[in-house]
Amino acid sequence: MASVKTTTLPGGIINRPGSTIDYKTGTWRVKRPVVNLDKCIGCLICWIYCPEPAIIKRDDGKIDFDYDYCKGCGICSLECPTKAIRIVEE
């Protein structure tokens, strides 16, 4: 079997550190997270588990979401120890 050599990579893959910022994944989301700021303690456990750069730390230490990158996967909601994040229909 002959090997194929190429110098280009197909679009949509991570080919350098930080390149995920180039690919907005929120456009196909059907659900999104919403945070109850009264319950949020700013622990950032949601940020640790988020598979995208979608969780933003606010100046007051609590969180917000960058919906351009949020896939609506719900991992943040599952991991939140205070249940401050709920998932709603888009």
PDB file of N, CA and C in Angstrom:
ATOM      1  N   MET A   1       0.846  -1.175   0.000  1.00  0.00           N
ATOM      2  CA  MET A   1       0.000   0.000   0.000  1.00  0.00           C
ATOM      3  C   MET A   1       0.890   1.236   0.000  1.00  0.00           C
ATOM      4  N   ALA A   2       0.650   2.163  -0.887  1.00  0.00           N
ATOM      5  CA  ALA A   2       1.469   3.371  -0.997  1.00  0.00           C
ATOM      6  C   ALA A   2       1.073   4.376   0.072  1.00  0.00           C
ATOM      7  N   SER A   3       2.049   5.061   0.626  1.00  0.00           N
ATOM      8  CA  SER A   3       1.745   6.098   1.608  1.00  0.00           C
ATOM      9  C   SER A   3       1.488   7.415   0.887  1.00  0.00           C
ATOM     10  N   VAL A   4       0.628   8.212   1.476  1.00  0.00           N
ATOM     11  CA  VAL A   4       0.284   9.509   0.905  1.00  0.00           C
ATOM     12  C   VAL A   4       0.908  10.574   1.779  1.00  0.00           C
ATOM     13  N   LYS A   5       1.656  11.473   1.179  1.00  0.00           N
ATOM     14  CA  LYS A   5       2.266  12.568   1.925  1.00  0.00           C
ATOM     15  C   LYS A   5       1.501  13.850   1.610  1.00  0.00           C
ATOM     16  N   THR A   6       1.267  14.619   2.641  1.00  0.00           N
ATOM     17  CA  THR A   6       0.573  15.883   2.458  1.00  0.00           C
ATOM     18  C   THR A   6       1.184  16.930   3.376  1.00  0.00           C
ATOM     19  N   THR A   7       1.076  18.163   2.996  1.00  0.00           N
ATOM     20  CA  THR A   7       1.588  19.250   3.838  1.00  0.00           C
ATOM     21  C   THR A   7       0.448  20.076   4.417  1.00  0.00           C
ATOM     22  N   THR A   8      -0.784  19.719   4.094  1.00  0.00           N
ATOM     23  CA  THR A   8      -1.926  20.450   4.618  1.00  0.00           C
ATOM     24  C   THR A   8      -2.808  19.515   5.427  1.00  0.00           C
ATOM     25  N   LEU A   9      -3.528  20.084   6.346  1.00  0.00           N
ATOM     26  CA  LEU A   9      -4.457  19.325   7.166  1.00  0.00           C
ATOM     27  C   LEU A   9      -5.868  19.778   6.839  1.00  0.00           C
ATOM     28  N   PRO A  10      -6.835  18.875   6.909  1.00  0.00           N
ATOM     29  CA  PRO A  10      -8.219  19.288   6.643  1.00  0.00           C
ATOM     30  C   PRO A  10      -8.695  20.283   7.694  1.00  0.00           C
ATOM     31  N   GLY A  11      -9.623  21.149   7.325  1.00  0.00           N
ATOM     32  CA  GLY A  11     -10.146  22.160   8.255  1.00  0.00           C
ATOM     33  C   GLY A  11     -10.862  21.542   9.433  1.00  0.00           C
ATOM     34  N   GLY A  12     -10.961  22.299  10.512  1.00  0.00           N
ATOM     35  CA  GLY A  12     -11.708  21.876  11.684  1.00  0.00           C
ATOM     36  C   GLY A  12     -10.957  20.997  12.656  1.00  0.00           C
ATOM     37  N   ILE A  13      -9.651  20.878  12.511  1.00  0.00           N
ATOM     38  CA  ILE A  13      -8.893  20.095  13.475  1.00  0.00           C
ATOM     39  C   ILE A  13      -7.901  20.996  14.194  1.00  0.00           C
ATOM     40  N   ILE A  14      -7.449  20.538  15.337  1.00  0.00           N
ATOM     41  CA  ILE A  14      -6.496  21.311  16.120  1.00  0.00           C
ATOM     42  C   ILE A  14      -5.101  21.021  15.575  1.00  0.00           C
ATOM     43  N   ASN A  15      -4.484  22.008  14.981  1.00  0.00           N
ATOM     44  CA  ASN A  15      -3.169  21.795  14.396  1.00  0.00           C
ATOM     45  C   ASN A  15      -2.077  22.648  15.025  1.00  0.00           C
ATOM     46  N   ARG A  16      -2.438  23.431  16.036  1.00  0.00           N
ATOM     47  CA  ARG A  16      -1.464  24.213  16.773  1.00  0.00           C
ATOM     48  C   ARG A  16      -2.079  24.581  18.120  1.00  0.00           C
ATOM     49  N   PRO A  17      -1.270  24.840  19.130  1.00  0.00           N
ATOM     50  CA  PRO A  17      -1.820  25.221  20.435  1.00  0.00           C
ATOM     51  C   PRO A  17      -2.701  26.465  20.315  1.00  0.00           C
ATOM     52  N   GLY A  18      -3.852  26.406  20.948  1.00  0.00           N
ATOM     53  CA  GLY A  18      -4.758  27.546  20.946  1.00  0.00           C
ATOM     54  C   GLY A  18      -5.618  27.677  19.703  1.00  0.00           C
ATOM     55  N   SER A  19      -5.555  26.719  18.785  1.00  0.00           N
ATOM     56  CA  SER A  19      -6.314  26.863  17.542  1.00  0.00           C
ATOM     57  C   SER A  19      -7.801  26.584  17.716  1.00  0.00           C
ATOM     58  N   THR A  20      -8.222  26.027  18.849  1.00  0.00           N
ATOM     59  CA  THR A  20      -9.650  25.792  19.033  1.00  0.00           C
ATOM     60  C   THR A  20     -10.430  27.090  19.038  1.00  0.00           C
ATOM     61  N   ILE A  21      -9.789  28.193  19.339  1.00  0.00           N
ATOM     62  CA  ILE A  21     -10.444  29.493  19.342  1.00  0.00           C
ATOM     63  C   ILE A  21     -10.919  29.867  17.931  1.00  0.00           C
ATOM     64  N   ASP A  22     -10.306  29.264  16.918  1.00  0.00           N
ATOM     65  CA  ASP A  22     -10.677  29.541  15.523  1.00  0.00           C
ATOM     66  C   ASP A  22     -11.984  28.870  15.112  1.00  0.00           C
ATOM     67  N   TYR A  23     -12.424  27.870  15.853  1.00  0.00           N
ATOM     68  CA  TYR A  23     -13.581  27.074  15.452  1.00  0.00           C
ATOM     69  C   TYR A  23     -14.727  27.246  16.442  1.00  0.00           C
ATOM     70  N   LYS A  24     -15.654  28.112  16.098  1.00  0.00           N
ATOM     71  CA  LYS A  24     -16.807  28.352  16.976  1.00  0.00           C
ATOM     72  C   LYS A  24     -17.743  27.161  16.884  1.00  0.00           C
ATOM     73  N   THR A  25     -18.001  26.555  18.029  1.00  0.00           N
ATOM     74  CA  THR A  25     -18.797  25.329  18.060  1.00  0.00           C
ATOM     75  C   THR A  25     -20.218  25.554  18.541  1.00  0.00           C
ATOM     76  N   GLY A  26     -20.537  26.756  18.970  1.00  0.00           N
ATOM     77  CA  GLY A  26     -21.864  27.016  19.516  1.00  0.00           C
ATOM     78  C   GLY A  26     -22.968  27.148  18.495  1.00  0.00           C
ATOM     79  N   THR A  27     -22.648  27.166  17.215  1.00  0.00           N
ATOM     80  CA  THR A  27     -23.667  27.388  16.200  1.00  0.00           C
ATOM     81  C   THR A  27     -24.612  26.208  16.033  1.00  0.00           C
ATOM     82  N   TRP A  28     -24.227  25.011  16.470  1.00  0.00           N
ATOM     83  CA  TRP A  28     -25.090  23.851  16.315  1.00  0.00           C
ATOM     84  C   TRP A  28     -25.701  23.394  17.647  1.00  0.00           C
ATOM     85  N   ARG A  29     -25.574  24.215  18.660  1.00  0.00           N
ATOM     86  CA  ARG A  29     -26.095  23.878  19.995  1.00  0.00           C
ATOM     87  C   ARG A  29     -27.637  23.900  19.991  1.00  0.00           C
ATOM     88  N   VAL A  30     -28.266  22.967  20.695  1.00  0.00           N
ATOM     89  CA  VAL A  30     -29.720  22.953  20.849  1.00  0.00           C
ATOM     90  C   VAL A  30     -30.139  23.227  22.295  1.00  0.00           C
ATOM     91  N   LYS A  31     -29.180  23.104  23.212  1.00  0.00           N
ATOM     92  CA  LYS A  31     -29.413  23.443  24.627  1.00  0.00           C
ATOM     93  C   LYS A  31     -28.258  24.308  25.083  1.00  0.00           C
ATOM     94  N   ARG A  32     -28.492  25.105  26.122  1.00  0.00           N
ATOM     95  CA  ARG A  32     -27.431  25.971  26.628  1.00  0.00           C
ATOM     96  C   ARG A  32     -27.501  26.057  28.147  1.00  0.00           C
ATOM     97  N   PRO A  33     -26.359  26.303  28.776  1.00  0.00           N
ATOM     98  CA  PRO A  33     -26.341  26.452  30.228  1.00  0.00           C
ATOM     99  C   PRO A  33     -26.728  27.869  30.642  1.00  0.00           C
ATOM    100  N   VAL A  34     -27.359  27.956  31.785  1.00  0.00           N
ATOM    101  CA  VAL A  34     -27.709  29.239  32.400  1.00  0.00           C
ATOM    102  C   VAL A  34     -27.278  29.154  33.851  1.00  0.00           C
ATOM    103  N   VAL A  35     -26.611  30.186  34.343  1.00  0.00           N
ATOM    104  CA  VAL A  35     -26.111  30.160  35.720  1.00  0.00           C
ATOM    105  C   VAL A  35     -26.995  31.012  36.623  1.00  0.00           C
ATOM    106  N   ASN A  36     -27.268  30.493  37.816  1.00  0.00           N
ATOM    107  CA  ASN A  36     -27.933  31.244  38.866  1.00  0.00           C
ATOM    108  C   ASN A  36     -26.813  31.856  39.713  1.00  0.00           C
ATOM    109  N   LEU A  37     -26.575  33.143  39.540  1.00  0.00           N
ATOM    110  CA  LEU A  37     -25.443  33.799  40.205  1.00  0.00           C
ATOM    111  C   LEU A  37     -25.573  33.811  41.723  1.00  0.00           C
ATOM    112  N   ASP A  38     -26.787  33.676  42.249  1.00  0.00           N
ATOM    113  CA  ASP A  38     -26.963  33.602  43.704  1.00  0.00           C
ATOM    114  C   ASP A  38     -26.420  32.288  44.270  1.00  0.00           C
ATOM    115  N   LYS A  39     -26.434  31.233  43.453  1.00  0.00           N
ATOM    116  CA  LYS A  39     -25.934  29.931  43.895  1.00  0.00           C
ATOM    117  C   LYS A  39     -24.458  29.716  43.558  1.00  0.00           C
ATOM    118  N   CYS A  40     -23.948  30.431  42.561  1.00  0.00           N
ATOM    119  CA  CYS A  40     -22.564  30.238  42.114  1.00  0.00           C
ATOM    120  C   CYS A  40     -21.587  30.693  43.197  1.00  0.00           C
ATOM    121  N   ILE A  41     -20.646  29.815  43.541  1.00  0.00           N
ATOM    122  CA  ILE A  41     -19.642  30.150  44.566  1.00  0.00           C
ATOM    123  C   ILE A  41     -18.275  30.449  43.940  1.00  0.00           C
ATOM    124  N   GLY A  42     -18.205  30.422  42.608  1.00  0.00           N
ATOM    125  CA  GLY A  42     -16.955  30.744  41.927  1.00  0.00           C
ATOM    126  C   GLY A  42     -15.867  29.704  42.076  1.00  0.00           C
ATOM    127  N   CYS A  43     -16.220  28.459  42.278  1.00  0.00           N
ATOM    128  CA  CYS A  43     -15.232  27.399  42.490  1.00  0.00           C
ATOM    129  C   CYS A  43     -14.510  27.003  41.202  1.00  0.00           C
ATOM    130  N   LEU A  44     -15.109  27.285  40.057  1.00  0.00           N
ATOM    131  CA  LEU A  44     -14.565  26.993  38.724  1.00  0.00           C
ATOM    132  C   LEU A  44     -14.428  25.510  38.407  1.00  0.00           C
ATOM    133  N   ILE A  45     -15.131  24.660  39.134  1.00  0.00           N
ATOM    134  CA  ILE A  45     -15.132  23.239  38.789  1.00  0.00           C
ATOM    135  C   ILE A  45     -15.736  23.056  37.398  1.00  0.00           C
ATOM    136  N   CYS A  46     -16.740  23.845  37.069  1.00  0.00           N
ATOM    137  CA  CYS A  46     -17.330  23.792  35.725  1.00  0.00           C
ATOM    138  C   CYS A  46     -16.277  24.108  34.668  1.00  0.00           C
ATOM    139  N   TRP A  47     -15.436  25.074  34.935  1.00  0.00           N
ATOM    140  CA  TRP A  47     -14.378  25.479  33.997  1.00  0.00           C
ATOM    141  C   TRP A  47     -13.382  24.336  33.776  1.00  0.00           C
ATOM    142  N   ILE A  48     -13.060  23.612  34.840  1.00  0.00           N
ATOM    143  CA  ILE A  48     -12.123  22.500  34.740  1.00  0.00           C
ATOM    144  C   ILE A  48     -12.647  21.421  33.788  1.00  0.00           C
ATOM    145  N   TYR A  49     -13.939  21.135  33.865  1.00  0.00           N
ATOM    146  CA  TYR A  49     -14.514  20.047  33.076  1.00  0.00           C
ATOM    147  C   TYR A  49     -15.016  20.469  31.696  1.00  0.00           C
ATOM    148  N   CYS A  50     -15.139  21.740  31.431  1.00  0.00           N
ATOM    149  CA  CYS A  50     -15.661  22.209  30.142  1.00  0.00           C
ATOM    150  C   CYS A  50     -14.717  21.800  29.006  1.00  0.00           C
ATOM    151  N   PRO A  51     -15.235  21.098  27.968  1.00  0.00           N
ATOM    152  CA  PRO A  51     -14.366  20.660  26.873  1.00  0.00           C
ATOM    153  C   PRO A  51     -14.004  21.762  25.877  1.00  0.00           C
ATOM    154  N   GLU A  52     -14.577  22.916  26.011  1.00  0.00           N
ATOM    155  CA  GLU A  52     -14.312  24.051  25.121  1.00  0.00           C
ATOM    156  C   GLU A  52     -13.932  25.267  25.965  1.00  0.00           C
ATOM    157  N   PRO A  53     -13.393  26.320  25.338  1.00  0.00           N
ATOM    158  CA  PRO A  53     -13.106  27.548  26.111  1.00  0.00           C
ATOM    159  C   PRO A  53     -14.378  28.379  26.277  1.00  0.00           C
ATOM    160  N   ALA A  54     -15.399  27.782  26.903  1.00  0.00           N
ATOM    161  CA  ALA A  54     -16.723  28.408  26.932  1.00  0.00           C
ATOM    162  C   ALA A  54     -17.100  29.037  28.272  1.00  0.00           C
ATOM    163  N   ILE A  55     -16.336  28.793  29.310  1.00  0.00           N
ATOM    164  CA  ILE A  55     -16.674  29.354  30.618  1.00  0.00           C
ATOM    165  C   ILE A  55     -15.723  30.496  30.919  1.00  0.00           C
ATOM    166  N   ILE A  56     -16.317  31.606  31.315  1.00  0.00           N
ATOM    167  CA  ILE A  56     -15.570  32.839  31.566  1.00  0.00           C
ATOM    168  C   ILE A  56     -15.702  33.198  33.044  1.00  0.00           C
ATOM    169  N   LYS A  57     -14.593  33.549  33.662  1.00  0.00           N
ATOM    170  CA  LYS A  57     -14.636  34.026  35.049  1.00  0.00           C
ATOM    171  C   LYS A  57     -14.895  35.528  35.024  1.00  0.00           C
ATOM    172  N   ARG A  58     -15.935  35.939  35.713  1.00  0.00           N
ATOM    173  CA  ARG A  58     -16.301  37.355  35.785  1.00  0.00           C
ATOM    174  C   ARG A  58     -15.427  38.077  36.812  1.00  0.00           C
ATOM    175  N   ASP A  59     -15.479  39.388  36.794  1.00  0.00           N
ATOM    176  CA  ASP A  59     -14.699  40.187  37.748  1.00  0.00           C
ATOM    177  C   ASP A  59     -15.097  39.921  39.197  1.00  0.00           C
ATOM    178  N   ASP A  60     -16.363  39.523  39.418  1.00  0.00           N
ATOM    179  CA  ASP A  60     -16.818  39.255  40.788  1.00  0.00           C
ATOM    180  C   ASP A  60     -16.497  37.825  41.239  1.00  0.00           C
ATOM    181  N   GLY A  61     -15.748  37.059  40.400  1.00  0.00           N
ATOM    182  CA  GLY A  61     -15.346  35.711  40.760  1.00  0.00           C
ATOM    183  C   GLY A  61     -16.321  34.631  40.332  1.00  0.00           C
ATOM    184  N   LYS A  62     -17.492  35.023  39.871  1.00  0.00           N
ATOM    185  CA  LYS A  62     -18.481  34.047  39.418  1.00  0.00           C
ATOM    186  C   LYS A  62     -18.269  33.764  37.941  1.00  0.00           C
ATOM    187  N   ILE A  63     -19.118  32.943  37.348  1.00  0.00           N
ATOM    188  CA  ILE A  63     -18.898  32.532  35.965  1.00  0.00           C
ATOM    189  C   ILE A  63     -19.962  33.070  35.012  1.00  0.00           C
ATOM    190  N   ASP A  64     -19.599  33.040  33.754  1.00  0.00           N
ATOM    191  CA  ASP A  64     -20.521  33.338  32.662  1.00  0.00           C
ATOM    192  C   ASP A  64     -20.130  32.411  31.517  1.00  0.00           C
ATOM    193  N   PHE A  65     -20.852  32.463  30.416  1.00  0.00           N
ATOM    194  CA  PHE A  65     -20.592  31.568  29.297  1.00  0.00           C
ATOM    195  C   PHE A  65     -20.302  32.341  28.027  1.00  0.00           C
ATOM    196  N   ASP A  66     -19.400  31.831  27.244  1.00  0.00           N
ATOM    197  CA  ASP A  66     -19.145  32.340  25.895  1.00  0.00           C
ATOM    198  C   ASP A  66     -19.897  31.400  24.968  1.00  0.00           C
ATOM    199  N   TYR A  67     -21.091  31.816  24.560  1.00  0.00           N
ATOM    200  CA  TYR A  67     -21.961  30.950  23.783  1.00  0.00           C
ATOM    201  C   TYR A  67     -21.453  30.704  22.363  1.00  0.00           C
ATOM    202  N   ASP A  68     -20.447  31.434  21.918  1.00  0.00           N
ATOM    203  CA  ASP A  68     -19.842  31.136  20.615  1.00  0.00           C
ATOM    204  C   ASP A  68     -19.160  29.768  20.639  1.00  0.00           C
ATOM    205  N   TYR A  69     -18.709  29.338  21.816  1.00  0.00           N
ATOM    206  CA  TYR A  69     -17.956  28.095  21.935  1.00  0.00           C
ATOM    207  C   TYR A  69     -18.672  27.013  22.732  1.00  0.00           C
ATOM    208  N   CYS A  70     -19.740  27.359  23.414  1.00  0.00           N
ATOM    209  CA  CYS A  70     -20.478  26.383  24.221  1.00  0.00           C
ATOM    210  C   CYS A  70     -21.246  25.428  23.310  1.00  0.00           C
ATOM    211  N   LYS A  71     -21.051  24.126  23.525  1.00  0.00           N
ATOM    212  CA  LYS A  71     -21.742  23.101  22.747  1.00  0.00           C
ATOM    213  C   LYS A  71     -23.073  22.701  23.378  1.00  0.00           C
ATOM    214  N   GLY A  72     -23.302  23.122  24.603  1.00  0.00           N
ATOM    215  CA  GLY A  72     -24.524  22.726  25.288  1.00  0.00           C
ATOM    216  C   GLY A  72     -24.485  21.296  25.784  1.00  0.00           C
ATOM    217  N   CYS A  73     -23.297  20.784  26.036  1.00  0.00           N
ATOM    218  CA  CYS A  73     -23.137  19.380  26.429  1.00  0.00           C
ATOM    219  C   CYS A  73     -23.683  19.087  27.830  1.00  0.00           C
ATOM    220  N   GLY A  74     -23.716  20.092  28.698  1.00  0.00           N
ATOM    221  CA  GLY A  74     -24.263  19.907  30.040  1.00  0.00           C
ATOM    222  C   GLY A  74     -23.285  19.418  31.080  1.00  0.00           C
ATOM    223  N   ILE A  75     -22.035  19.226  30.712  1.00  0.00           N
ATOM    224  CA  ILE A  75     -21.039  18.749  31.682  1.00  0.00           C
ATOM    225  C   ILE A  75     -20.908  19.737  32.841  1.00  0.00           C
ATOM    226  N   CYS A  76     -20.922  21.022  32.542  1.00  0.00           N
ATOM    227  CA  CYS A  76     -20.801  22.031  33.601  1.00  0.00           C
ATOM    228  C   CYS A  76     -21.913  21.887  34.630  1.00  0.00           C
ATOM    229  N   SER A  77     -23.115  21.639  34.149  1.00  0.00           N
ATOM    230  CA  SER A  77     -24.262  21.474  35.040  1.00  0.00           C
ATOM    231  C   SER A  77     -24.121  20.231  35.917  1.00  0.00           C
ATOM    232  N   LEU A  78     -23.635  19.158  35.332  1.00  0.00           N
ATOM    233  CA  LEU A  78     -23.459  17.918  36.088  1.00  0.00           C
ATOM    234  C   LEU A  78     -22.380  18.042  37.156  1.00  0.00           C
ATOM    235  N   GLU A  79     -21.334  18.812  36.877  1.00  0.00           N
ATOM    236  CA  GLU A  79     -20.202  18.923  37.795  1.00  0.00           C
ATOM    237  C   GLU A  79     -20.356  20.024  38.843  1.00  0.00           C
ATOM    238  N   CYS A  80     -21.278  20.941  38.647  1.00  0.00           N
ATOM    239  CA  CYS A  80     -21.446  22.064  39.580  1.00  0.00           C
ATOM    240  C   CYS A  80     -21.888  21.568  40.957  1.00  0.00           C
ATOM    241  N   PRO A  81     -21.082  21.804  41.999  1.00  0.00           N
ATOM    242  CA  PRO A  81     -21.417  21.281  43.332  1.00  0.00           C
ATOM    243  C   PRO A  81     -22.617  21.968  43.982  1.00  0.00           C
ATOM    244  N   THR A  82     -22.943  23.180  43.559  1.00  0.00           N
ATOM    245  CA  THR A  82     -24.079  23.892  44.161  1.00  0.00           C
ATOM    246  C   THR A  82     -25.318  23.872  43.271  1.00  0.00           C
ATOM    247  N   LYS A  83     -25.210  23.184  42.128  1.00  0.00           N
ATOM    248  CA  LYS A  83     -26.312  23.105  41.150  1.00  0.00           C
ATOM    249  C   LYS A  83     -26.754  24.502  40.705  1.00  0.00           C
ATOM    250  N   ALA A  84     -25.769  25.382  40.521  1.00  0.00           N
ATOM    251  CA  ALA A  84     -26.046  26.749  40.074  1.00  0.00           C
ATOM    252  C   ALA A  84     -26.269  26.830  38.571  1.00  0.00           C
ATOM    253  N   ILE A  85     -25.909  25.777  37.843  1.00  0.00           N
ATOM    254  CA  ILE A  85     -26.032  25.785  36.389  1.00  0.00           C
ATOM    255  C   ILE A  85     -27.133  24.833  35.975  1.00  0.00           C
ATOM    256  N   ARG A  86     -28.043  25.334  35.160  1.00  0.00           N
ATOM    257  CA  ARG A  86     -29.074  24.456  34.606  1.00  0.00           C
ATOM    258  C   ARG A  86     -29.020  24.549  33.094  1.00  0.00           C
ATOM    259  N   ILE A  87     -29.493  23.515  32.446  1.00  0.00           N
ATOM    260  CA  ILE A  87     -29.497  23.447  30.988  1.00  0.00           C
ATOM    261  C   ILE A  87     -30.910  23.730  30.496  1.00  0.00           C
ATOM    262  N   VAL A  88     -31.021  24.640  29.554  1.00  0.00           N
ATOM    263  CA  VAL A  88     -32.328  25.001  28.990  1.00  0.00           C
ATOM    264  C   VAL A  88     -32.309  24.814  27.475  1.00  0.00           C
ATOM    265  N   GLU A  89     -33.485  24.695  26.891  1.00  0.00           N
ATOM    266  CA  GLU A  89     -33.605  24.611  25.440  1.00  0.00           C
ATOM    267  C   GLU A  89     -33.147  25.930  24.835  1.00  0.00           C
ATOM    268  N   GLU A  90     -32.492  25.845  23.696  1.00  0.00           N
ATOM    269  CA  GLU A  90     -31.988  27.038  22.998  1.00  0.00           C
ATOM    270  C   GLU A  90     -33.151  27.879  22.484  1.00  0.00           C
TER     271      GLU A  90
END
